[in-house]
Amino acid sequence: QVQLVESGGGLVQSGGSLRLSCAASGRTFSSYTMGWFRSAPEKEREFVGAISWSGGRTSYADSVKGRFTISRDNAKNTLYLQMNSLQADDTAVYYCAADRLRYMFRVDPDAYDYWGQGTQVTVSS
């Protein structure tokens, strides 16, 4: 089992940057594909991106490609989401999630096994 805790959210002006972190408990963090999702009011939970268990491969939603970067430090049991050139449409609660399936990226949130509690990101225009 993996417990996930996000941090780093906050209020930022349009065009600014934030880095989110997701701290994982347990010795098996490196076994999981890790994903970031976001949920805005009146919208379904949306796939942001994912990273392979080794950190060697990543996948991003078109809406964030070129602006967001996912990384992980397995030695520190921590996942990161670097967000640059933030826009008002990026305002949402951001969640990290763990997927036991190691060899492909899945965009369906129901496929993920463990979730953090979320951290709010608000971008002012």
Protein backbone atom coordinates (compact mmCIF):
# COMPACT_ATOMS: atom_id res chain seq x y z
CA GLN A 1 0.00 0.00 0.00
CA VAL A 2 1.13 3.54 -0.76
CA GLN A 3 0.07 6.73 0.99
CA LEU A 4 0.44 9.96 -0.97
CA VAL A 5 0.56 13.55 0.27
CA GLU A 6 0.68 16.50 -2.12
CA SER A 7 2.11 19.92 -1.30
CA GLY A 8 3.20 23.10 -3.05
CA GLY A 9 -0.10 24.46 -4.25
CA GLY A 10 -1.07 28.09 -3.90
CA LEU A 11 -2.02 31.30 -5.63
CA VAL A 12 0.06 32.47 -8.58
CA GLN A 13 -0.34 35.09 -11.28
CA SER A 14 -0.88 34.15 -14.88
CA GLY A 15 2.46 33.36 -16.50
CA GLY A 16 3.99 32.30 -13.21
CA SER A 17 5.33 28.95 -12.02
CA LEU A 18 4.73 26.47 -9.23
CA ARG A 19 6.25 23.14 -8.30
CA LEU A 20 4.07 20.53 -6.70
CA SER A 21 5.45 17.64 -4.69
CA CYS A 22 3.92 14.31 -3.81
CA ALA A 23 5.52 12.46 -0.92
CA ALA A 24 4.93 8.73 -0.81
CA SER A 25 5.17 6.38 2.13
CA GLY A 26 6.23 2.79 1.85
CA ARG A 27 9.14 1.00 0.25
CA THR A 28 7.41 0.25 -3.04
CA PHE A 29 7.12 3.75 -4.49
CA SER A 30 9.58 2.90 -7.25
CA SER A 31 7.34 0.04 -8.36
CA TYR A 32 4.52 2.31 -9.47
CA THR A 33 3.78 4.36 -12.49
CA MET A 34 2.85 7.77 -11.09
CA GLY A 35 0.34 10.21 -12.48
CA TRP A 36 -0.90 13.73 -11.92
CA PHE A 37 -4.56 14.62 -12.35
CA ARG A 38 -6.54 17.77 -11.76
CA SER A 39 -10.12 18.57 -10.95
CA ALA A 40 -11.77 21.93 -11.62
CA PRO A 41 -15.29 22.95 -10.55
CA GLU A 42 -17.97 21.40 -12.77
CA LYS A 43 -15.37 19.44 -14.73
CA GLU A 44 -14.39 15.78 -14.65
CA ARG A 45 -11.05 14.78 -13.19
CA GLU A 46 -8.51 15.31 -15.95
CA PHE A 47 -5.26 13.50 -16.72
CA VAL A 48 -2.30 15.88 -16.60
CA GLY A 49 0.60 13.51 -17.11
CA ALA A 50 2.40 10.42 -15.91
CA ILE A 51 5.89 9.07 -15.39
CA SER A 52 7.21 5.54 -15.57
CA TRP A 53 8.47 3.69 -12.52
CA SER A 54 12.09 4.44 -13.43
CA GLY A 55 11.47 8.03 -14.46
CA GLY A 56 12.72 7.32 -17.93
CA ARG A 57 9.46 7.95 -19.76
CA THR A 58 6.76 10.56 -19.43
CA SER A 59 3.43 11.36 -21.04
CA TYR A 60 1.46 14.61 -20.96
CA ALA A 61 -1.95 15.89 -21.84
CA ASP A 62 -1.92 18.18 -24.87
CA SER A 63 -3.16 21.05 -22.72
CA VAL A 64 0.02 21.08 -20.61
CA LYS A 65 2.63 19.74 -23.01
CA GLY A 66 5.64 22.04 -23.17
CA ARG A 67 4.64 23.87 -19.97
CA PHE A 68 4.55 21.13 -17.32
CA THR A 69 7.28 18.65 -16.43
CA ILE A 70 6.92 15.53 -14.29
CA SER A 71 9.88 14.03 -12.48
CA ARG A 72 10.49 11.67 -9.62
CA ASP A 73 13.19 10.87 -7.09
CA ASN A 74 12.79 7.26 -6.05
CA ALA A 75 15.47 7.59 -3.40
CA LYS A 76 13.32 10.26 -1.73
CA ASN A 77 9.98 8.61 -2.51
CA THR A 78 8.85 11.87 -4.09
CA LEU A 79 7.05 12.85 -7.28
CA TYR A 80 7.16 16.35 -8.72
CA LEU A 81 5.15 18.48 -11.10
CA GLN A 82 6.89 21.61 -12.37
CA MET A 83 4.32 23.97 -13.83
CA ASN A 84 5.43 26.93 -15.94
CA SER A 85 3.54 29.57 -17.93
CA LEU A 86 0.48 28.95 -15.81
CA GLN A 87 -2.87 30.09 -17.15
CA ALA A 88 -6.26 30.69 -15.55
CA ASP A 89 -7.50 27.41 -17.08
CA ASP A 90 -4.91 25.57 -14.97
CA THR A 91 -6.80 26.48 -11.80
CA ALA A 92 -7.81 23.21 -10.15
CA VAL A 93 -7.13 20.81 -7.33
CA TYR A 94 -4.14 18.72 -8.33
CA TYR A 95 -3.81 15.08 -7.29
CA CYS A 96 -1.03 12.57 -7.54
CA ALA A 97 -1.90 8.93 -8.04
CA ALA A 98 -0.13 5.57 -8.20
CA ASP A 99 -0.78 2.88 -10.80
CA ARG A 100 0.44 -0.70 -10.32
CA LEU A 101 0.63 -1.18 -14.08
CA ARG A 102 4.26 -0.44 -14.88
CA TYR A 103 4.55 -0.66 -18.62
CA MET A 104 1.97 1.71 -20.01
CA PHE A 105 0.40 5.05 -19.19
CA ARG A 106 -3.28 5.18 -18.43
CA VAL A 107 -5.38 8.35 -18.54
CA ASP A 108 -8.48 6.93 -16.83
CA PRO A 109 -8.43 7.95 -13.16
CA ASP A 110 -10.32 4.78 -12.25
CA ALA A 111 -7.25 2.78 -13.30
CA TYR A 112 -5.12 4.24 -10.51
CA ASP A 113 -4.85 2.43 -7.20
CA TYR A 114 -3.85 5.11 -4.70
CA TRP A 115 -4.53 8.83 -4.45
CA GLY A 116 -3.39 11.81 -2.47
CA GLN A 117 -5.77 14.29 -0.89
CA GLY A 118 -5.05 17.02 -3.45
CA THR A 119 -3.55 20.50 -3.38
CA GLN A 120 -5.24 23.65 -4.68
CA VAL A 121 -3.64 25.66 -7.47
CA THR A 122 -5.21 29.00 -8.29
CA VAL A 123 -3.99 31.10 -11.19
CA SER A 124 -5.13 34.71 -11.24
CA SER A 125 -5.50 36.43 -14.60
